[in-house]
Amino acid sequence: MSKTDRSAVDRIIYCHGFASNFDPQKDKVQASSMLAPVQGVTVD
């Protein structure tokens, strides 16, 4: 995708909980960041 193309996804909000914390280094987050910037939130 070129820089002139507009993505349908502006950013990804990643909510994490269940006695664990958001970690931007995790594989799932890194893979998601290839689509759009990932903003993480830890909810417990």
C-alpha atoms as a PDB file:
ATOM      1  CA  MET A   1       0.000   0.000   0.000  1.00  0.00           C
ATOM      2  CA  SER A   2       1.422   3.371  -0.947  1.00  0.00           C
ATOM      3  CA  LYS A   3       1.400   6.447   1.264  1.00  0.00           C
ATOM      4  CA  THR A   4      -1.268   8.001  -0.946  1.00  0.00           C
ATOM      5  CA  ASP A   5      -3.722   5.148  -0.231  1.00  0.00           C
ATOM      6  CA  ARG A   6      -6.092   5.657   2.670  1.00  0.00           C
ATOM      7  CA  SER A   7      -6.551   2.740   5.024  1.00  0.00           C
ATOM      8  CA  ALA A   8      -9.996   1.911   6.373  1.00  0.00           C
ATOM      9  CA  VAL A   9      -8.360   1.459   9.798  1.00  0.00           C
ATOM     10  CA  ASP A  10      -6.958   4.598  11.433  1.00  0.00           C
ATOM     11  CA  ARG A  11      -5.657   2.817  14.549  1.00  0.00           C
ATOM     12  CA  ILE A  12      -6.219  -0.315  16.589  1.00  0.00           C
ATOM     13  CA  ILE A  13      -7.310  -0.096  20.226  1.00  0.00           C
ATOM     14  CA  TYR A  14      -6.058  -3.196  22.034  1.00  0.00           C
ATOM     15  CA  CYS A  15      -7.743  -3.795  25.411  1.00  0.00           C
ATOM     16  CA  HIS A  16      -5.986  -6.292  27.642  1.00  0.00           C
ATOM     17  CA  GLY A  17      -6.995  -7.615  31.026  1.00  0.00           C
ATOM     18  CA  PHE A  18      -7.567 -10.828  32.948  1.00  0.00           C
ATOM     19  CA  ALA A  19      -4.587 -10.381  35.307  1.00  0.00           C
ATOM     20  CA  SER A  20      -2.204  -9.471  32.487  1.00  0.00           C
ATOM     21  CA  ASN A  21      -0.869  -6.225  31.030  1.00  0.00           C
ATOM     22  CA  PHE A  22      -0.700  -4.806  27.524  1.00  0.00           C
ATOM     23  CA  ASP A  23       2.771  -5.463  26.106  1.00  0.00           C
ATOM     24  CA  PRO A  24       3.631  -3.727  22.822  1.00  0.00           C
ATOM     25  CA  GLN A  25       6.412  -6.275  22.197  1.00  0.00           C
ATOM     26  CA  LYS A  26       4.071  -9.297  22.020  1.00  0.00           C
ATOM     27  CA  ASP A  27       3.761 -11.054  18.662  1.00  0.00           C
ATOM     28  CA  LYS A  28       0.023 -10.358  18.304  1.00  0.00           C
ATOM     29  CA  VAL A  29       0.502  -6.626  18.887  1.00  0.00           C
ATOM     30  CA  GLN A  30       3.488  -6.481  16.521  1.00  0.00           C
ATOM     31  CA  ALA A  31       1.495  -8.253  13.806  1.00  0.00           C
ATOM     32  CA  SER A  32      -1.461  -5.905  14.307  1.00  0.00           C
ATOM     33  CA  SER A  33       0.823  -2.887  14.060  1.00  0.00           C
ATOM     34  CA  MET A  34       1.576  -3.864  10.475  1.00  0.00           C
ATOM     35  CA  LEU A  35      -2.028  -2.879   9.659  1.00  0.00           C
ATOM     36  CA  ALA A  36      -2.277   0.311  11.726  1.00  0.00           C
ATOM     37  CA  PRO A  37      -0.795   1.925  14.849  1.00  0.00           C
ATOM     38  CA  VAL A  38      -1.774   0.016  18.000  1.00  0.00           C
ATOM     39  CA  GLN A  39      -2.828   1.842  21.152  1.00  0.00           C
ATOM     40  CA  GLY A  40      -2.946  -0.446  24.185  1.00  0.00           C
ATOM     41  CA  VAL A  41      -5.042  -0.261  27.321  1.00  0.00           C
ATOM     42  CA  THR A  42      -4.851  -2.552  30.329  1.00  0.00           C
ATOM     43  CA  VAL A  43      -8.238  -3.153  31.969  1.00  0.00           C
ATOM     44  CA  ASP A  44      -8.575  -5.201  35.133  1.00  0.00           C
END
